[in-house]
Amino acid sequence: MKQIQSFPHALMLTAAGRDHIRTEEFAKVACRAAQTIRKNYCTTGECFGIRPIKVGNRLLWPVARIAALLNG
């Protein structure tokens, strides 16, 4: 039987020791579409209260803040 991974564990595997993750990775861990994350950022400058940093044309989201969000 396949086990369902918990959110913090899935985040740990996705981040693989990095401090920031890409929008697509954030969306996968948060169970949302990447476009939803981008839309929230475009309209409010954040998503779920988390502000990303911009590097070139990419948004990088802080893993520590995502973990706090997922842990409640």
Protein backbone atom coordinates (compact mmCIF):
# COMPACT_ATOMS: atom_id res chain seq x y z
CA MET A 1 0.00 0.00 0.00
CA LYS A 2 1.35 3.41 -0.95
CA GLN A 3 1.75 5.89 1.90
CA ILE A 4 0.72 9.51 1.55
CA GLN A 5 3.55 11.87 2.44
CA SER A 6 2.94 14.57 5.00
CA PHE A 7 3.35 18.16 3.84
CA PRO A 8 6.53 18.97 5.82
CA HIS A 9 8.15 15.73 4.63
CA ALA A 10 7.21 16.47 1.01
CA LEU A 11 8.63 19.98 1.42
CA MET A 12 11.88 18.59 2.81
CA LEU A 13 12.23 16.26 -0.18
CA THR A 14 11.39 19.03 -2.63
CA ALA A 15 13.75 21.58 -1.10
CA ALA A 16 16.65 19.12 -0.80
CA GLY A 17 18.59 21.44 1.52
CA ARG A 18 17.89 24.67 -0.39
CA ASP A 19 16.66 27.82 1.35
CA HIS A 20 14.29 28.83 -1.48
CA ILE A 21 12.20 26.88 -3.98
CA ARG A 22 10.67 27.80 -7.33
CA THR A 23 7.01 28.66 -7.83
CA GLU A 24 6.21 25.28 -9.41
CA GLU A 25 7.68 23.46 -6.42
CA PHE A 26 5.80 25.69 -3.97
CA ALA A 27 2.57 25.01 -5.84
CA LYS A 28 3.10 21.25 -5.73
CA VAL A 29 3.77 21.23 -1.98
CA ALA A 30 0.81 23.58 -1.30
CA CYS A 31 -1.52 21.50 -3.54
CA ARG A 32 -2.32 24.47 -5.75
CA ALA A 33 -1.74 25.31 -9.40
CA ALA A 34 1.39 27.30 -10.14
CA GLN A 35 -0.75 29.90 -11.88
CA THR A 36 -2.74 30.39 -8.66
CA ILE A 37 0.48 31.14 -6.79
CA ARG A 38 1.56 33.60 -9.50
CA LYS A 39 -1.86 35.30 -9.58
CA ASN A 40 -1.88 35.79 -5.81
CA TYR A 41 1.61 37.27 -6.02
CA CYS A 42 0.62 39.61 -8.87
CA THR A 43 -2.48 40.91 -7.10
CA THR A 44 -1.18 41.19 -3.52
CA GLY A 45 2.61 40.87 -3.65
CA GLU A 46 2.46 37.66 -1.60
CA CYS A 47 0.83 34.25 -1.46
CA PHE A 48 -0.52 32.84 1.81
CA GLY A 49 1.35 35.62 3.59
CA ILE A 50 4.71 34.61 2.09
CA ARG A 51 6.72 37.09 0.04
CA PRO A 52 9.15 35.68 -2.53
CA ILE A 53 12.44 37.10 -3.71
CA LYS A 54 12.92 37.79 -7.41
CA VAL A 55 15.97 36.46 -9.20
CA GLY A 56 15.87 37.42 -12.84
CA ASN A 57 12.41 36.48 -14.07
CA ARG A 58 11.86 33.87 -11.36
CA LEU A 59 10.19 33.97 -7.99
CA LEU A 60 11.93 32.04 -5.22
CA TRP A 61 9.92 31.21 -2.12
CA PRO A 62 11.51 30.78 1.34
CA VAL A 63 11.32 27.19 2.55
CA ALA A 64 11.21 28.16 6.25
CA ARG A 65 8.08 30.29 5.76
CA ILE A 66 6.40 27.55 3.69
CA ALA A 67 7.17 25.00 6.42
CA ALA A 68 5.62 27.30 9.03
CA LEU A 69 2.53 27.68 6.84
CA LEU A 70 2.15 23.93 6.34
CA ASN A 71 2.70 23.16 10.03
CA GLY A 72 -0.10 25.53 11.00
